[in-house]
PDB file of N, CA and C in Angstrom:
ATOM      1  N   UNK A   1      50.902  82.974  80.938  1.00  0.00           N
ATOM      2  CA  UNK A   1      51.665  82.728  79.992  1.00  0.00           C
ATOM      3  C   UNK A   1      52.334  84.189  80.497  1.00  0.00           C
ATOM      4  N   UNK A   2      53.189  85.065  80.583  1.00  0.00           N
ATOM      5  CA  UNK A   2      54.534  85.726  80.241  1.00  0.00           C
ATOM      6  C   UNK A   2      54.198  86.789  79.226  1.00  0.00           C
ATOM      7  N   UNK A   3      54.080  87.755  79.519  1.00  0.00           N
ATOM      8  CA  UNK A   3      53.880  88.654  78.007  1.00  0.00           C
ATOM      9  C   UNK A   3      54.535  88.854  76.622  1.00  0.00           C
ATOM     10  N   UNK A   4      53.246  88.722  75.881  1.00  0.00           N
ATOM     11  CA  UNK A   4      54.409  88.738  74.123  1.00  0.00           C
ATOM     12  C   UNK A   4      54.640  87.186  74.433  1.00  0.00           C
ATOM     13  N   UNK A   5      54.060  86.065  74.761  1.00  0.00           N
ATOM     14  CA  UNK A   5      54.627  84.912  74.705  1.00  0.00           C
ATOM     15  C   UNK A   5      55.828  84.864  74.625  1.00  0.00           C
ATOM     16  N   UNK A   6      57.125  85.543  75.977  1.00  0.00           N
ATOM     17  CA  UNK A   6      57.812  85.377  76.177  1.00  0.00           C
ATOM     18  C   UNK A   6      58.139  83.829  77.099  1.00  0.00           C
ATOM     19  N   UNK A   7      59.290  83.702  77.476  1.00  0.00           N
ATOM     20  CA  UNK A   7      59.270  82.435  77.808  1.00  0.00           C
ATOM     21  C   UNK A   7      60.061  82.853  78.838  1.00  0.00           C
ATOM     22  N   UNK A   8      59.804  81.044  79.844  1.00  0.00           N
ATOM     23  CA  UNK A   8      60.648  81.970  81.992  1.00  0.00           C
ATOM     24  C   UNK A   8      61.344  81.182  81.317  1.00  0.00           C
ATOM     25  N   UNK A   9      62.075  82.719  81.323  1.00  0.00           N
ATOM     26  CA  UNK A   9      63.566  82.213  82.002  1.00  0.00           C
ATOM     27  C   UNK A   9      64.531  81.786  82.905  1.00  0.00           C
ATOM     28  N   UNK A  10      65.680  81.008  83.219  1.00  0.00           N
ATOM     29  CA  UNK A  10      66.510  80.966  83.859  1.00  0.00           C
ATOM     30  C   UNK A  10      66.563  81.234  85.064  1.00  0.00           C
ATOM     31  N   UNK A  11      66.807  81.139  86.072  1.00  0.00           N
ATOM     32  CA  UNK A  11      68.238  81.893  87.629  1.00  0.00           C
ATOM     33  C   UNK A  11      69.289  82.688  86.704  1.00  0.00           C
ATOM     34  N   UNK A  12      69.788  81.851  86.447  1.00  0.00           N
ATOM     35  CA  UNK A  12      71.221  82.179  85.795  1.00  0.00           C
ATOM     36  C   UNK A  12      70.676  82.653  84.100  1.00  0.00           C
ATOM     37  N   UNK A  13      69.708  83.142  83.702  1.00  0.00           N
ATOM     38  CA  UNK A  13      70.077  83.895  82.230  1.00  0.00           C
ATOM     39  C   UNK A  13      69.257  84.984  82.836  1.00  0.00           C
ATOM     40  N   UNK A  14      69.103  85.666  84.454  1.00  0.00           N
ATOM     41  CA  UNK A  14      68.880  87.138  85.008  1.00  0.00           C
ATOM     42  C   UNK A  14      70.160  87.623  85.286  1.00  0.00           C
ATOM     43  N   UNK A  15      69.861  88.941  84.582  1.00  0.00           N
ATOM     44  CA  UNK A  15      70.593  90.029  84.958  1.00  0.00           C
ATOM     45  C   UNK A  15      71.143  90.324  86.459  1.00  0.00           C
ATOM     46  N   UNK A  16      71.807  90.973  86.888  1.00  0.00           N
ATOM     47  CA  UNK A  16      71.825  91.829  88.322  1.00  0.00           C
ATOM     48  C   UNK A  16      70.874  92.737  88.513  1.00  0.00           C
ATOM     49  N   UNK A  17      70.245  93.364  87.858  1.00  0.00           N
ATOM     50  CA  UNK A  17      68.868  94.677  88.341  1.00  0.00           C
ATOM     51  C   UNK A  17      68.192  92.822  88.736  1.00  0.00           C
ATOM     52  N   UNK A  18      67.942  92.005  87.827  1.00  0.00           N
ATOM     53  CA  UNK A  18      66.337  91.339  87.650  1.00  0.00           C
ATOM     54  C   UNK A  18      67.291  90.300  88.931  1.00  0.00           C
ATOM     55  N   UNK A  19      67.414  89.757  89.035  1.00  0.00           N
ATOM     56  CA  UNK A  19      67.636  89.147  90.056  1.00  0.00           C
ATOM     57  C   UNK A  19      67.612  90.108  91.257  1.00  0.00           C
ATOM     58  N   UNK A  20      67.910  90.841  91.185  1.00  0.00           N
ATOM     59  CA  UNK A  20      67.493  92.021  92.116  1.00  0.00           C
ATOM     60  C   UNK A  20      66.129  91.868  93.122  1.00  0.00           C
ATOM     61  N   UNK A  21      65.175  92.344  91.548  1.00  0.00           N
ATOM     62  CA  UNK A  21      64.185  93.045  90.930  1.00  0.00           C
ATOM     63  C   UNK A  21      63.664  91.896  92.183  1.00  0.00           C
ATOM     64  N   UNK A  22      63.737  90.602  91.412  1.00  0.00           N
ATOM     65  CA  UNK A  22      63.110  88.707  91.959  1.00  0.00           C
ATOM     66  C   UNK A  22      63.258  88.839  93.356  1.00  0.00           C
ATOM     67  N   UNK A  23      64.802  89.151  94.192  1.00  0.00           N
ATOM     68  CA  UNK A  23      64.481  89.235  95.251  1.00  0.00           C
ATOM     69  C   UNK A  23      63.435  89.708  96.234  1.00  0.00           C
ATOM     70  N   UNK A  24      63.446  91.274  95.820  1.00  0.00           N
ATOM     71  CA  UNK A  24      62.458  92.101  96.531  1.00  0.00           C
ATOM     72  C   UNK A  24      61.363  91.529  96.494  1.00  0.00           C
ATOM     73  N   UNK A  25      60.684  90.965  95.644  1.00  0.00           N
ATOM     74  CA  UNK A  25      59.245  90.952  95.059  1.00  0.00           C
ATOM     75  C   UNK A  25      59.020  88.969  96.318  1.00  0.00           C
ATOM     76  N   UNK A  26      60.303  88.335  96.218  1.00  0.00           N
ATOM     77  CA  UNK A  26      60.066  86.511  96.986  1.00  0.00           C
ATOM     78  C   UNK A  26      60.052  87.312  98.455  1.00  0.00           C
ATOM     79  N   UNK A  27      60.636  88.554  98.294  1.00  0.00           N
ATOM     80  CA  UNK A  27      60.713  88.953  99.743  1.00  0.00           C
ATOM     81  C   UNK A  27      59.455  89.701 100.299  1.00  0.00           C
ATOM     82  N   UNK A  28      58.750  90.527  99.298  1.00  0.00           N
ATOM     83  CA  UNK A  28      57.579  91.083  99.658  1.00  0.00           C
ATOM     84  C   UNK A  28      56.166  89.862  99.654  1.00  0.00           C
ATOM     85  N   UNK A  29      56.625  89.077  99.355  1.00  0.00           N
ATOM     86  CA  UNK A  29      55.360  87.676  98.687  1.00  0.00           C
ATOM     87  C   UNK A  29      55.517  87.037 100.131  1.00  0.00           C
ATOM     88  N   UNK A  30      56.520  86.485 100.377  1.00  0.00           N
ATOM     89  CA  UNK A  30      56.795  85.861 101.408  1.00  0.00           C
ATOM     90  C   UNK A  30      56.320  86.081 102.955  1.00  0.00           C
ATOM     91  N   UNK A  31      56.507  87.982 103.031  1.00  0.00           N
ATOM     92  CA  UNK A  31      55.894  88.030 103.793  1.00  0.00           C
ATOM     93  C   UNK A  31      54.023  88.779 104.190  1.00  0.00           C
ATOM     94  N   UNK A  32      53.612  89.254 102.642  1.00  0.00           N
ATOM     95  CA  UNK A  32      51.799  88.980 102.820  1.00  0.00           C
ATOM     96  C   UNK A  32      51.786  87.779 103.330  1.00  0.00           C
ATOM     97  N   UNK A  33      52.409  86.139 102.707  1.00  0.00           N
ATOM     98  CA  UNK A  33      51.357  85.009 103.182  1.00  0.00           C
ATOM     99  C   UNK A  33      52.536  84.484 104.222  1.00  0.00           C
ATOM    100  N   UNK A  34      53.512  85.033 105.424  1.00  0.00           N
ATOM    101  CA  UNK A  34      53.800  84.463 106.807  1.00  0.00           C
ATOM    102  C   UNK A  34      54.189  83.429 106.061  1.00  0.00           C
ATOM    103  N   UNK A  35      55.557  83.094 104.407  1.00  0.00           N
ATOM    104  CA  UNK A  35      56.091  81.646 104.824  1.00  0.00           C
ATOM    105  C   UNK A  35      56.894  81.750 103.725  1.00  0.00           C
ATOM    106  N   UNK A  36      58.198  81.337 103.911  1.00  0.00           N
ATOM    107  CA  UNK A  36      59.093  81.575 101.810  1.00  0.00           C
ATOM    108  C   UNK A  36      58.314  81.233 101.216  1.00  0.00           C
ATOM    109  N   UNK A  37      58.472  81.825  99.761  1.00  0.00           N
ATOM    110  CA  UNK A  37      57.485  81.131  98.953  1.00  0.00           C
ATOM    111  C   UNK A  37      58.178  80.682  97.776  1.00  0.00           C
ATOM    112  N   UNK A  38      60.144  80.732  97.884  1.00  0.00           N
ATOM    113  CA  UNK A  38      60.558  79.918  96.942  1.00  0.00           C
ATOM    114  C   UNK A  38      60.520  81.432  96.048  1.00  0.00           C
ATOM    115  N   UNK A  39      62.254  80.966  95.526  1.00  0.00           N
ATOM    116  CA  UNK A  39      62.869  81.732  94.362  1.00  0.00           C
ATOM    117  C   UNK A  39      62.091  81.542  93.566  1.00  0.00           C
ATOM    118  N   UNK A  40      61.821  79.838  93.092  1.00  0.00           N
ATOM    119  CA  UNK A  40      61.196  79.579  91.992  1.00  0.00           C
ATOM    120  C   UNK A  40      60.013  80.269  91.991  1.00  0.00           C
ATOM    121  N   UNK A  41      59.720  80.248  92.715  1.00  0.00           N
ATOM    122  CA  UNK A  41      57.610  80.549  92.273  1.00  0.00           C
ATOM    123  C   UNK A  41      57.676  82.338  92.755  1.00  0.00           C
ATOM    124  N   UNK A  42      58.228  83.024  93.520  1.00  0.00           N
ATOM    125  CA  UNK A  42      59.080  84.381  92.937  1.00  0.00           C
ATOM    126  C   UNK A  42      59.059  84.824  91.856  1.00  0.00           C
ATOM    127  N   UNK A  43      60.006  84.464  90.931  1.00  0.00           N
ATOM    128  CA  UNK A  43      60.310  84.375  89.899  1.00  0.00           C
ATOM    129  C   UNK A  43      59.079  84.204  89.026  1.00  0.00           C
ATOM    130  N   UNK A  44      58.673  83.426  88.940  1.00  0.00           N
ATOM    131  CA  UNK A  44      56.811  82.983  88.032  1.00  0.00           C
ATOM    132  C   UNK A  44      56.902  84.367  88.365  1.00  0.00           C
ATOM    133  N   UNK A  45      55.912  84.365  89.441  1.00  0.00           N
ATOM    134  CA  UNK A  45      55.154  85.664  89.411  1.00  0.00           C
ATOM    135  C   UNK A  45      55.386  86.632  89.159  1.00  0.00           C
ATOM    136  N   UNK A  46      57.106  87.225  89.821  1.00  0.00           N
ATOM    137  CA  UNK A  46      57.548  88.442  88.715  1.00  0.00           C
ATOM    138  C   UNK A  46      57.799  88.384  87.515  1.00  0.00           C
ATOM    139  N   UNK A  47      57.705  87.716  86.636  1.00  0.00           N
ATOM    140  CA  UNK A  47      57.611  87.640  85.361  1.00  0.00           C
ATOM    141  C   UNK A  47      55.904  88.296  84.521  1.00  0.00           C
ATOM    142  N   UNK A  48      55.360  86.500  85.513  1.00  0.00           N
ATOM    143  CA  UNK A  48      53.565  86.921  85.111  1.00  0.00           C
ATOM    144  C   UNK A  48      53.255  88.318  85.282  1.00  0.00           C
ATOM    145  N   UNK A  49      53.669  88.846  86.296  1.00  0.00           N
ATOM    146  CA  UNK A  49      52.691  90.132  86.921  1.00  0.00           C
ATOM    147  C   UNK A  49      53.738  91.504  86.885  1.00  0.00           C
ATOM    148  N   UNK A  50      54.865  91.606  86.721  1.00  0.00           N
ATOM    149  CA  UNK A  50      55.981  91.859  87.271  1.00  0.00           C
ATOM    150  C   UNK A  50      56.095  93.312  86.246  1.00  0.00           C
ATOM    151  N   UNK A  51      57.673  92.350  85.329  1.00  0.00           N
ATOM    152  CA  UNK A  51      58.360  92.667  85.088  1.00  0.00           C
ATOM    153  C   UNK A  51      58.600  93.293  83.341  1.00  0.00           C
ATOM    154  N   UNK A  52      57.061  93.501  82.496  1.00  0.00           N
ATOM    155  CA  UNK A  52      56.769  93.811  81.807  1.00  0.00           C
ATOM    156  C   UNK A  52      57.396  95.771  82.829  1.00  0.00           C
ATOM    157  N   UNK A  53      56.171  95.803  83.556  1.00  0.00           N
ATOM    158  CA  UNK A  53      56.159  97.647  84.006  1.00  0.00           C
ATOM    159  C   UNK A  53      57.472  97.475  84.933  1.00  0.00           C
ATOM    160  N   UNK A  54      58.273  96.477  84.624  1.00  0.00           N
ATOM    161  CA  UNK A  54      59.543  96.779  85.837  1.00  0.00           C
ATOM    162  C   UNK A  54      60.386  97.016  84.869  1.00  0.00           C
ATOM    163  N   UNK A  55      60.409  95.974  83.753  1.00  0.00           N
ATOM    164  CA  UNK A  55      61.374  96.497  82.830  1.00  0.00           C
ATOM    165  C   UNK A  55      61.531  98.185  81.785  1.00  0.00           C
ATOM    166  N   UNK A  56      59.848  98.480  81.858  1.00  0.00           N
ATOM    167  CA  UNK A  56      59.684 100.305  81.362  1.00  0.00           C
ATOM    168  C   UNK A  56      60.048 101.305  82.670  1.00  0.00           C
ATOM    169  N   UNK A  57      60.097 100.915  83.305  1.00  0.00           N
ATOM    170  CA  UNK A  57      60.410 101.374  84.343  1.00  0.00           C
ATOM    171  C   UNK A  57      61.774 101.510  84.231  1.00  0.00           C
ATOM    172  N   UNK A  58      62.440 100.697  84.671  1.00  0.00           N
ATOM    173  CA  UNK A  58      64.048 100.351  85.136  1.00  0.00           C
ATOM    174  C   UNK A  58      64.559 100.733  83.283  1.00  0.00           C
ATOM    175  N   UNK A  59      63.752 101.218  82.300  1.00  0.00           N
ATOM    176  CA  UNK A  59      65.099 101.815  80.704  1.00  0.00           C
ATOM    177  C   UNK A  59      64.962 103.333  81.171  1.00  0.00           C
ATOM    178  N   UNK A  60      63.139 103.784  81.611  1.00  0.00           N
ATOM    179  CA  UNK A  60      63.639 105.425  81.870  1.00  0.00           C
ATOM    180  C   UNK A  60      64.421 105.748  83.618  1.00  0.00           C
ATOM    181  N   UNK A  61      64.487 105.293  83.678  1.00  0.00           N
ATOM    182  CA  UNK A  61      65.193 105.760  84.425  1.00  0.00           C
ATOM    183  C   UNK A  61      67.223 105.727  84.132  1.00  0.00           C
ATOM    184  N   UNK A  62      67.201 104.460  83.225  1.00  0.00           N
ATOM    185  CA  UNK A  62      68.376 104.393  82.518  1.00  0.00           C
ATOM    186  C   UNK A  62      68.144 105.834  81.774  1.00  0.00           C
ATOM    187  N   UNK A  63      67.215 105.903  81.107  1.00  0.00           N
ATOM    188  CA  UNK A  63      67.489 106.784  79.773  1.00  0.00           C
ATOM    189  C   UNK A  63      67.642 108.182  80.818  1.00  0.00           C
ATOM    190  N   UNK A  64      67.383 107.975  82.437  1.00  0.00           N
ATOM    191  CA  UNK A  64      67.605 109.717  82.266  1.00  0.00           C
ATOM    192  C   UNK A  64      68.338 109.864  83.114  1.00  0.00           C
ATOM    193  N   UNK A  65      69.144 108.796  83.262  1.00  0.00           N
ATOM    194  CA  UNK A  65      71.169 108.780  84.249  1.00  0.00           C
ATOM    195  C   UNK A  65      71.276 109.327  83.221  1.00  0.00           C
ATOM    196  N   UNK A  66      71.302 108.194  82.102  1.00  0.00           N
ATOM    197  CA  UNK A  66      72.002 108.459  81.133  1.00  0.00           C
ATOM    198  C   UNK A  66      72.296 110.153  79.947  1.00  0.00           C
ATOM    199  N   UNK A  67      71.619 110.625  79.929  1.00  0.00           N
ATOM    200  CA  UNK A  67      70.886 111.814  79.564  1.00  0.00           C
ATOM    201  C   UNK A  67      71.177 112.888  80.542  1.00  0.00           C
ATOM    202  N   UNK A  68      71.448 112.193  81.985  1.00  0.00           N
ATOM    203  CA  UNK A  68      71.667 113.589  82.242  1.00  0.00           C
ATOM    204  C   UNK A  68      72.985 113.675  82.795  1.00  0.00           C
ATOM    205  N   UNK A  69      73.789 112.293  82.721  1.00  0.00           N
ATOM    206  CA  UNK A  69      75.503 112.466  82.142  1.00  0.00           C
ATOM    207  C   UNK A  69      75.840 112.948  80.672  1.00  0.00           C
ATOM    208  N   UNK A  70      75.578 112.880  80.311  1.00  0.00           N
ATOM    209  CA  UNK A  70      75.683 113.367  78.682  1.00  0.00           C
ATOM    210  C   UNK A  70      75.505 114.409  78.853  1.00  0.00           C
ATOM    211  N   UNK A  71      74.722 115.921  79.553  1.00  0.00           N
ATOM    212  CA  UNK A  71      74.615 116.930  79.634  1.00  0.00           C
ATOM    213  C   UNK A  71      75.705 117.827  80.910  1.00  0.00           C
ATOM    214  N   UNK A  72      75.741 116.459  82.205  1.00  0.00           N
ATOM    215  CA  UNK A  72      77.204 117.098  82.558  1.00  0.00           C
ATOM    216  C   UNK A  72      78.560 117.500  82.070  1.00  0.00           C
ATOM    217  N   UNK A  73      79.054 116.433  81.006  1.00  0.00           N
ATOM    218  CA  UNK A  73      79.970 116.511  80.372  1.00  0.00           C
ATOM    219  C   UNK A  73      79.439 117.274  78.918  1.00  0.00           C
ATOM    220  N   UNK A  74      78.410 118.055  78.481  1.00  0.00           N
ATOM    221  CA  UNK A  74      79.035 119.287  77.534  1.00  0.00           C
ATOM    222  C   UNK A  74      79.266 120.169  78.218  1.00  0.00           C
TER     223      UNK A  74
END
């Protein structure tokens, strides 16, 4: 199950950045398994094993970028 009992999002519910992360994950898994693993498999694996860490890293990067922009305009 996904961390914190979160439901598996449908592809249409994902943000642009989440779709890109799942696509990159799909490419990685497909290369590793030497076959196309499919979008649903990649999405499920991403959200079960990698989404929490990805979101944390994304939030940290977004916050750093926002802080940089604020400092630039002070």
